[in-house]
Amino acid sequence: MTFEDGSEVLFHIGIDTVNLQGEGFSTFVNSGDKVKQGSKLVDFDLPFLESKSIDSTVMVVFTKHKEVSIESKTVQANEALDITCK
């Protein structure tokens, strides 16, 4: 995701999920789409990942940023995570 100020954030869901070829994931945006705060980006089927012995760790990687504010917390299923880049 690229913010208006040029900050970039990469969201990576799970370890070795690329081998699933999209199975278990539903995306709600496409490359180039503009989104607003609160926009749903992706859903993933946690029980499906677990049934495939996939590590469901979600990584948020800041590749270009000036200042990032993110609340450190454990996020439950269906809970939003607010990220602010300044």
PDB file of N, CA and C in Angstrom:
ATOM      1  N   MET A   1       0.850  -1.150   0.000  1.00  0.00           N
ATOM      2  CA  MET A   1       0.000   0.000   0.000  1.00  0.00           C
ATOM      3  C   MET A   1       0.906   1.225   0.000  1.00  0.00           C
ATOM      4  N   THR A   2       0.590   2.177  -0.853  1.00  0.00           N
ATOM      5  CA  THR A   2       1.354   3.415  -0.923  1.00  0.00           C
ATOM      6  C   THR A   2       0.470   4.562  -0.465  1.00  0.00           C
ATOM      7  N   PHE A   3       0.963   5.336   0.494  1.00  0.00           N
ATOM      8  CA  PHE A   3       0.226   6.485   0.995  1.00  0.00           C
ATOM      9  C   PHE A   3       0.538   7.704   0.143  1.00  0.00           C
ATOM     10  N   GLU A   4      -0.281   8.752   0.281  1.00  0.00           N
ATOM     11  CA  GLU A   4      -0.111   9.963  -0.524  1.00  0.00           C
ATOM     12  C   GLU A   4       1.264  10.598  -0.348  1.00  0.00           C
ATOM     13  N   ASP A   5       1.870  10.434   0.836  1.00  0.00           N
ATOM     14  CA  ASP A   5       3.188  11.040   1.076  1.00  0.00           C
ATOM     15  C   ASP A   5       4.339  10.171   0.586  1.00  0.00           C
ATOM     16  N   GLY A   6       4.021   9.033  -0.052  1.00  0.00           N
ATOM     17  CA  GLY A   6       5.049   8.137  -0.568  1.00  0.00           C
ATOM     18  C   GLY A   6       5.411   6.999   0.370  1.00  0.00           C
ATOM     19  N   SER A   7       4.904   7.034   1.597  1.00  0.00           N
ATOM     20  CA  SER A   7       5.147   5.931   2.531  1.00  0.00           C
ATOM     21  C   SER A   7       4.572   4.648   1.948  1.00  0.00           C
ATOM     22  N   GLU A   8       5.267   3.546   2.164  1.00  0.00           N
ATOM     23  CA  GLU A   8       4.805   2.251   1.663  1.00  0.00           C
ATOM     24  C   GLU A   8       4.712   1.241   2.798  1.00  0.00           C
ATOM     25  N   VAL A   9       3.663   0.443   2.759  1.00  0.00           N
ATOM     26  CA  VAL A   9       3.445  -0.603   3.746  1.00  0.00           C
ATOM     27  C   VAL A   9       3.114  -1.884   2.999  1.00  0.00           C
ATOM     28  N   LEU A  10       3.775  -2.957   3.385  1.00  0.00           N
ATOM     29  CA  LEU A  10       3.533  -4.275   2.812  1.00  0.00           C
ATOM     30  C   LEU A  10       2.872  -5.137   3.877  1.00  0.00           C
ATOM     31  N   PHE A  11       1.743  -5.756   3.546  1.00  0.00           N
ATOM     32  CA  PHE A  11       1.070  -6.676   4.442  1.00  0.00           C
ATOM     33  C   PHE A  11       1.293  -8.088   3.914  1.00  0.00           C
ATOM     34  N   HIS A  12       1.818  -8.956   4.751  1.00  0.00           N
ATOM     35  CA  HIS A  12       2.045 -10.342   4.336  1.00  0.00           C
ATOM     36  C   HIS A  12       1.343 -11.246   5.334  1.00  0.00           C
ATOM     37  N   ILE A  13       0.407 -12.036   4.849  1.00  0.00           N
ATOM     38  CA  ILE A  13      -0.412 -12.879   5.716  1.00  0.00           C
ATOM     39  C   ILE A  13       0.051 -14.316   5.607  1.00  0.00           C
ATOM     40  N   GLY A  14       0.581 -14.828   6.712  1.00  0.00           N
ATOM     41  CA  GLY A  14       0.986 -16.226   6.778  1.00  0.00           C
ATOM     42  C   GLY A  14       2.364 -16.486   6.198  1.00  0.00           C
ATOM     43  N   ILE A  15       2.894 -17.639   6.564  1.00  0.00           N
ATOM     44  CA  ILE A  15       4.195 -18.085   6.069  1.00  0.00           C
ATOM     45  C   ILE A  15       3.939 -19.187   5.043  1.00  0.00           C
ATOM     46  N   ASP A  16       4.528 -19.052   3.859  1.00  0.00           N
ATOM     47  CA  ASP A  16       4.349 -20.007   2.747  1.00  0.00           C
ATOM     48  C   ASP A  16       2.924 -20.059   2.211  1.00  0.00           C
ATOM     49  N   THR A  17       2.174 -18.973   2.363  1.00  0.00           N
ATOM     50  CA  THR A  17       0.810 -18.941   1.826  1.00  0.00           C
ATOM     51  C   THR A  17       0.802 -18.825   0.304  1.00  0.00           C
ATOM     52  N   VAL A  18       1.904 -18.412  -0.281  1.00  0.00           N
ATOM     53  CA  VAL A  18       1.961 -18.306  -1.740  1.00  0.00           C
ATOM     54  C   VAL A  18       1.674 -19.662  -2.387  1.00  0.00           C
ATOM     55  N   ASN A  19       2.018 -20.728  -1.691  1.00  0.00           N
ATOM     56  CA  ASN A  19       1.775 -22.073  -2.227  1.00  0.00           C
ATOM     57  C   ASN A  19       0.291 -22.406  -2.320  1.00  0.00           C
ATOM     58  N   LEU A  20      -0.563 -21.640  -1.644  1.00  0.00           N
ATOM     59  CA  LEU A  20      -2.012 -21.864  -1.690  1.00  0.00           C
ATOM     60  C   LEU A  20      -2.639 -21.255  -2.941  1.00  0.00           C
ATOM     61  N   GLN A  21      -1.898 -20.440  -3.658  1.00  0.00           N
ATOM     62  CA  GLN A  21      -2.346 -19.798  -4.896  1.00  0.00           C
ATOM     63  C   GLN A  21      -3.673 -19.062  -4.715  1.00  0.00           C
ATOM     64  N   GLY A  22      -3.804 -18.361  -3.572  1.00  0.00           N
ATOM     65  CA  GLY A  22      -4.986 -17.539  -3.321  1.00  0.00           C
ATOM     66  C   GLY A  22      -6.111 -18.246  -2.583  1.00  0.00           C
ATOM     67  N   GLU A  23      -6.045 -19.568  -2.481  1.00  0.00           N
ATOM     68  CA  GLU A  23      -7.105 -20.303  -1.794  1.00  0.00           C
ATOM     69  C   GLU A  23      -7.121 -19.913  -0.321  1.00  0.00           C
ATOM     70  N   GLY A  24      -8.303 -19.619   0.202  1.00  0.00           N
ATOM     71  CA  GLY A  24      -8.452 -19.221   1.591  1.00  0.00           C
ATOM     72  C   GLY A  24      -8.404 -17.715   1.804  1.00  0.00           C
ATOM     73  N   PHE A  25      -8.222 -16.955   0.722  1.00  0.00           N
ATOM     74  CA  PHE A  25      -8.140 -15.500   0.803  1.00  0.00           C
ATOM     75  C   PHE A  25      -9.193 -14.856  -0.087  1.00  0.00           C
ATOM     76  N   SER A  26      -9.739 -13.741   0.367  1.00  0.00           N
ATOM     77  CA  SER A  26     -10.647 -12.911  -0.438  1.00  0.00           C
ATOM     78  C   SER A  26     -10.133 -11.483  -0.375  1.00  0.00           C
ATOM     79  N   THR A  27      -9.870 -10.898  -1.532  1.00  0.00           N
ATOM     80  CA  THR A  27      -9.387  -9.519  -1.567  1.00  0.00           C
ATOM     81  C   THR A  27     -10.531  -8.596  -1.995  1.00  0.00           C
ATOM     82  N   PHE A  28     -10.497  -7.383  -1.498  1.00  0.00           N
ATOM     83  CA  PHE A  28     -11.557  -6.417  -1.763  1.00  0.00           C
ATOM     84  C   PHE A  28     -11.055  -5.182  -2.494  1.00  0.00           C
ATOM     85  N   VAL A  29      -9.760  -5.152  -2.790  1.00  0.00           N
ATOM     86  CA  VAL A  29      -9.169  -4.047  -3.542  1.00  0.00           C
ATOM     87  C   VAL A  29      -8.202  -4.618  -4.575  1.00  0.00           C
ATOM     88  N   ASN A  30      -7.943  -3.828  -5.591  1.00  0.00           N
ATOM     89  CA  ASN A  30      -6.995  -4.212  -6.634  1.00  0.00           C
ATOM     90  C   ASN A  30      -5.840  -3.228  -6.661  1.00  0.00           C
ATOM     91  N   SER A  31      -4.745  -3.618  -7.259  1.00  0.00           N
ATOM     92  CA  SER A  31      -3.599  -2.738  -7.410  1.00  0.00           C
ATOM     93  C   SER A  31      -4.049  -1.443  -8.083  1.00  0.00           C
ATOM     94  N   GLY A  32      -3.674  -0.315  -7.499  1.00  0.00           N
ATOM     95  CA  GLY A  32      -4.023   0.986  -8.064  1.00  0.00           C
ATOM     96  C   GLY A  32      -5.287   1.592  -7.473  1.00  0.00           C
ATOM     97  N   ASP A  33      -6.096   0.798  -6.759  1.00  0.00           N
ATOM     98  CA  ASP A  33      -7.307   1.330  -6.125  1.00  0.00           C
ATOM     99  C   ASP A  33      -6.929   2.315  -5.029  1.00  0.00           C
ATOM    100  N   LYS A  34      -7.754   3.330  -4.858  1.00  0.00           N
ATOM    101  CA  LYS A  34      -7.591   4.251  -3.733  1.00  0.00           C
ATOM    102  C   LYS A  34      -8.526   3.780  -2.634  1.00  0.00           C
ATOM    103  N   VAL A  35      -8.001   3.728  -1.418  1.00  0.00           N
ATOM    104  CA  VAL A  35      -8.809   3.289  -0.279  1.00  0.00           C
ATOM    105  C   VAL A  35      -8.829   4.383   0.775  1.00  0.00           C
ATOM    106  N   LYS A  36      -9.823   4.303   1.639  1.00  0.00           N
ATOM    107  CA  LYS A  36      -9.958   5.246   2.739  1.00  0.00           C
ATOM    108  C   LYS A  36      -9.810   4.491   4.043  1.00  0.00           C
ATOM    109  N   GLN A  37      -9.574   5.220   5.123  1.00  0.00           N
ATOM    110  CA  GLN A  37      -9.501   4.598   6.432  1.00  0.00           C
ATOM    111  C   GLN A  37     -10.770   3.794   6.667  1.00  0.00           C
ATOM    112  N   GLY A  38     -10.597   2.576   7.096  1.00  0.00           N
ATOM    113  CA  GLY A  38     -11.725   1.690   7.350  1.00  0.00           C
ATOM    114  C   GLY A  38     -12.082   0.790   6.183  1.00  0.00           C
ATOM    115  N   SER A  39     -11.450   1.002   5.024  1.00  0.00           N
ATOM    116  CA  SER A  39     -11.718   0.148   3.864  1.00  0.00           C
ATOM    117  C   SER A  39     -11.264  -1.278   4.150  1.00  0.00           C
ATOM    118  N   LYS A  40     -12.089  -2.233   3.772  1.00  0.00           N
ATOM    119  CA  LYS A  40     -11.713  -3.638   3.925  1.00  0.00           C
ATOM    120  C   LYS A  40     -10.772  -4.001   2.788  1.00  0.00           C
ATOM    121  N   LEU A  41      -9.615  -4.562   3.139  1.00  0.00           N
ATOM    122  CA  LEU A  41      -8.609  -4.914   2.144  1.00  0.00           C
ATOM    123  C   LEU A  41      -8.638  -6.401   1.815  1.00  0.00           C
ATOM    124  N   VAL A  42      -8.658  -7.244   2.845  1.00  0.00           N
ATOM    125  CA  VAL A  42      -8.560  -8.684   2.632  1.00  0.00           C
ATOM    126  C   VAL A  42      -9.192  -9.433   3.800  1.00  0.00           C
ATOM    127  N   ASP A  43      -9.732 -10.583   3.512  1.00  0.00           N
ATOM    128  CA  ASP A  43     -10.168 -11.561   4.511  1.00  0.00           C
ATOM    129  C   ASP A  43      -9.365 -12.822   4.281  1.00  0.00           C
ATOM    130  N   PHE A  44      -9.105 -13.563   5.354  1.00  0.00           N
ATOM    131  CA  PHE A  44      -8.503 -14.874   5.169  1.00  0.00           C
ATOM    132  C   PHE A  44      -9.147 -15.850   6.129  1.00  0.00           C
ATOM    133  N   ASP A  45      -9.192 -17.092   5.716  1.00  0.00           N
ATOM    134  CA  ASP A  45      -9.859 -18.170   6.439  1.00  0.00           C
ATOM    135  C   ASP A  45      -8.857 -18.839   7.375  1.00  0.00           C
ATOM    136  N   LEU A  46      -8.838 -18.387   8.631  1.00  0.00           N
ATOM    137  CA  LEU A  46      -7.874 -18.902   9.592  1.00  0.00           C
ATOM    138  C   LEU A  46      -8.002 -20.409   9.804  1.00  0.00           C
ATOM    139  N   PRO A  47      -9.199 -20.961   9.981  1.00  0.00           N
ATOM    140  CA  PRO A  47      -9.295 -22.422  10.129  1.00  0.00           C
ATOM    141  C   PRO A  47      -8.737 -23.170   8.912  1.00  0.00           C
ATOM    142  N   PHE A  48      -8.927 -22.616   7.717  1.00  0.00           N
ATOM    143  CA  PHE A  48      -8.377 -23.242   6.510  1.00  0.00           C
ATOM    144  C   PHE A  48      -6.852 -23.253   6.564  1.00  0.00           C
ATOM    145  N   LEU A  49      -6.255 -22.093   6.924  1.00  0.00           N
ATOM    146  CA  LEU A  49      -4.793 -22.037   7.017  1.00  0.00           C
ATOM    147  C   LEU A  49      -4.287 -23.040   8.043  1.00  0.00           C
ATOM    148  N   GLU A  50      -4.967 -23.098   9.188  1.00  0.00           N
ATOM    149  CA  GLU A  50      -4.559 -24.040  10.227  1.00  0.00           C
ATOM    150  C   GLU A  50      -4.697 -25.484   9.761  1.00  0.00           C
ATOM    151  N   SER A  51      -5.734 -25.782   8.970  1.00  0.00           N
ATOM    152  CA  SER A  51      -5.914 -27.148   8.471  1.00  0.00           C
ATOM    153  C   SER A  51      -4.806 -27.564   7.509  1.00  0.00           C
ATOM    154  N   LYS A  52      -4.151 -26.576   6.900  1.00  0.00           N
ATOM    155  CA  LYS A  52      -3.031 -26.826   5.981  1.00  0.00           C
ATOM    156  C   LYS A  52      -1.681 -26.690   6.693  1.00  0.00           C
ATOM    157  N   SER A  53      -1.719 -26.558   8.022  1.00  0.00           N
ATOM    158  CA  SER A  53      -0.510 -26.372   8.838  1.00  0.00           C
ATOM    159  C   SER A  53       0.292 -25.150   8.408  1.00  0.00           C
ATOM    160  N   ILE A  54      -0.418 -24.080   8.033  1.00  0.00           N
ATOM    161  CA  ILE A  54       0.207 -22.825   7.620  1.00  0.00           C
ATOM    162  C   ILE A  54       0.329 -21.913   8.833  1.00  0.00           C
ATOM    163  N   ASP A  55       1.504 -21.347   9.061  1.00  0.00           N
ATOM    164  CA  ASP A  55       1.710 -20.364  10.110  1.00  0.00           C
ATOM    165  C   ASP A  55       0.938 -19.103   9.716  1.00  0.00           C
ATOM    166  N   SER A  56       0.025 -18.657  10.566  1.00  0.00           N
ATOM    167  CA  SER A  56      -0.854 -17.534  10.222  1.00  0.00           C
ATOM    168  C   SER A  56      -0.318 -16.173  10.670  1.00  0.00           C
ATOM    169  N   THR A  57       0.970 -16.080  10.936  1.00  0.00           N
ATOM    170  CA  THR A  57       1.563 -14.803  11.327  1.00  0.00           C
ATOM    171  C   THR A  57       1.296 -13.745  10.262  1.00  0.00           C
ATOM    172  N   VAL A  58       0.847 -12.570  10.692  1.00  0.00           N
ATOM    173  CA  VAL A  58       0.639 -11.443   9.777  1.00  0.00           C
ATOM    174  C   VAL A  58       1.767 -10.452  10.009  1.00  0.00           C
ATOM    175  N   MET A  59       2.482 -10.144   8.936  1.00  0.00           N
ATOM    176  CA  MET A  59       3.595  -9.200   9.015  1.00  0.00           C
ATOM    177  C   MET A  59       3.201  -7.883   8.353  1.00  0.00           C
ATOM    178  N   VAL A  60       3.540  -6.780   9.010  1.00  0.00           N
ATOM    179  CA  VAL A  60       3.336  -5.448   8.452  1.00  0.00           C
ATOM    180  C   VAL A  60       4.728  -4.847   8.322  1.00  0.00           C
ATOM    181  N   VAL A  61       5.150  -4.621   7.075  1.00  0.00           N
ATOM    182  CA  VAL A  61       6.510  -4.158   6.804  1.00  0.00           C
ATOM    183  C   VAL A  61       6.439  -2.741   6.230  1.00  0.00           C
ATOM    184  N   PHE A  62       7.137  -1.814   6.863  1.00  0.00           N
ATOM    185  CA  PHE A  62       7.191  -0.431   6.410  1.00  0.00           C
ATOM    186  C   PHE A  62       8.440  -0.269   5.557  1.00  0.00           C
ATOM    187  N   THR A  63       8.255  -0.100   4.237  1.00  0.00           N
ATOM    188  CA  THR A  63       9.392  -0.071   3.329  1.00  0.00           C
ATOM    189  C   THR A  63       9.888   1.340   3.046  1.00  0.00           C
ATOM    190  N   LYS A  64       8.999   2.317   3.076  1.00  0.00           N
ATOM    191  CA  LYS A  64       9.377   3.719   2.887  1.00  0.00           C
ATOM    192  C   LYS A  64       8.472   4.534   3.800  1.00  0.00           C
ATOM    193  N   HIS A  65       9.074   5.272   4.726  1.00  0.00           N
ATOM    194  CA  HIS A  65       8.254   6.069   5.627  1.00  0.00           C
ATOM    195  C   HIS A  65       9.073   7.166   6.283  1.00  0.00           C
ATOM    196  N   LYS A  66       8.370   8.177   6.725  1.00  0.00           N
ATOM    197  CA  LYS A  66       9.004   9.237   7.502  1.00  0.00           C
ATOM    198  C   LYS A  66       8.795   8.952   8.978  1.00  0.00           C
ATOM    199  N   GLU A  67       7.568   8.714   9.358  1.00  0.00           N
ATOM    200  CA  GLU A  67       7.232   8.399  10.738  1.00  0.00           C
ATOM    201  C   GLU A  67       5.996   7.521  10.726  1.00  0.00           C
ATOM    202  N   VAL A  68       6.002   6.479  11.534  1.00  0.00           N
ATOM    203  CA  VAL A  68       4.888   5.539  11.571  1.00  0.00           C
ATOM    204  C   VAL A  68       4.383   5.429  12.994  1.00  0.00           C
ATOM    205  N   SER A  69       3.081   5.441  13.144  1.00  0.00           N
ATOM    206  CA  SER A  69       2.464   5.251  14.449  1.00  0.00           C
ATOM    207  C   SER A  69       1.578   4.025  14.367  1.00  0.00           C
ATOM    208  N   ILE A  70       1.879   3.016  15.168  1.00  0.00           N
ATOM    209  CA  ILE A  70       1.076   1.800  15.183  1.00  0.00           C
ATOM    210  C   ILE A  70       0.965   1.346  16.630  1.00  0.00           C
ATOM    211  N   GLU A  71      -0.243   1.070  17.029  1.00  0.00           N
ATOM    212  CA  GLU A  71      -0.476   0.612  18.392  1.00  0.00           C
ATOM    213  C   GLU A  71      -0.035  -0.836  18.500  1.00  0.00           C
ATOM    214  N   SER A  72       0.790  -1.131  19.479  1.00  0.00           N
ATOM    215  CA  SER A  72       1.259  -2.489  19.684  1.00  0.00           C
ATOM    216  C   SER A  72       0.206  -3.263  20.456  1.00  0.00           C
ATOM    217  N   LYS A  73      -0.418  -4.214  19.780  1.00  0.00           N
ATOM    218  CA  LYS A  73      -1.441  -5.018  20.436  1.00  0.00           C
ATOM    219  C   LYS A  73      -1.662  -6.293  19.644  1.00  0.00           C
ATOM    220  N   THR A  74      -2.297  -7.239  20.281  1.00  0.00           N
ATOM    221  CA  THR A  74      -2.715  -8.450  19.605  1.00  0.00           C
ATOM    222  C   THR A  74      -4.066  -8.177  18.972  1.00  0.00           C
ATOM    223  N   VAL A  75      -4.200  -8.469  17.701  1.00  0.00           N
ATOM    224  CA  VAL A  75      -5.445  -8.219  16.981  1.00  0.00           C
ATOM    225  C   VAL A  75      -6.214  -9.526  16.874  1.00  0.00           C
ATOM    226  N   GLN A  76      -7.457  -9.482  17.263  1.00  0.00           N
ATOM    227  CA  GLN A  76      -8.325 -10.648  17.190  1.00  0.00           C
ATOM    228  C   GLN A  76      -8.928 -10.755  15.789  1.00  0.00           C
ATOM    229  N   ALA A  77      -9.469 -11.908  15.458  1.00  0.00           N
ATOM    230  CA  ALA A  77     -10.137 -12.108  14.169  1.00  0.00           C
ATOM    231  C   ALA A  77     -11.218 -11.047  13.989  1.00  0.00           C
ATOM    232  N   ASN A  78     -11.295 -10.494  12.796  1.00  0.00           N
ATOM    233  CA  ASN A  78     -12.286  -9.477  12.412  1.00  0.00           C
ATOM    234  C   ASN A  78     -12.101  -8.141  13.128  1.00  0.00           C
ATOM    235  N   GLU A  79     -10.951  -7.912  13.720  1.00  0.00           N
ATOM    236  CA  GLU A  79     -10.671  -6.639  14.383  1.00  0.00           C
ATOM    237  C   GLU A  79      -9.769  -5.809  13.478  1.00  0.00           C
ATOM    238  N   ALA A  80     -10.079  -4.531  13.355  1.00  0.00           N
ATOM    239  CA  ALA A  80      -9.289  -3.645  12.505  1.00  0.00           C
ATOM    240  C   ALA A  80      -8.012  -3.222  13.211  1.00  0.00           C
ATOM    241  N   LEU A  81      -6.994  -2.925  12.426  1.00  0.00           N
ATOM    242  CA  LEU A  81      -5.720  -2.413  12.933  1.00  0.00           C
ATOM    243  C   LEU A  81      -5.498  -1.058  12.294  1.00  0.00           C
ATOM    244  N   ASP A  82      -5.374  -0.001  13.097  1.00  0.00           N
ATOM    245  CA  ASP A  82      -5.158   1.344  12.576  1.00  0.00           C
ATOM    246  C   ASP A  82      -3.673   1.628  12.473  1.00  0.00           C
ATOM    247  N   ILE A  83      -3.247   2.063  11.291  1.00  0.00           N
ATOM    248  CA  ILE A  83      -1.851   2.433  11.040  1.00  0.00           C
ATOM    249  C   ILE A  83      -1.854   3.854  10.493  1.00  0.00           C
ATOM    250  N   THR A  84      -1.005   4.701  11.044  1.00  0.00           N
ATOM    251  CA  THR A  84      -0.890   6.067  10.569  1.00  0.00           C
ATOM    252  C   THR A  84       0.555   6.314  10.148  1.00  0.00           C
ATOM    253  N   CYS A  85       0.751   6.783   8.927  1.00  0.00           N
ATOM    254  CA  CYS A  85       2.080   7.150   8.454  1.00  0.00           C
ATOM    255  C   CYS A  85       2.133   8.666   8.340  1.00  0.00           C
ATOM    256  N   LYS A  86       3.196   9.255   8.883  1.00  0.00           N
ATOM    257  CA  LYS A  86       3.346  10.720   8.830  1.00  0.00           C
ATOM    258  C   LYS A  86       4.637  11.074   8.135  1.00  0.00           C
TER     259      LYS A  86
END
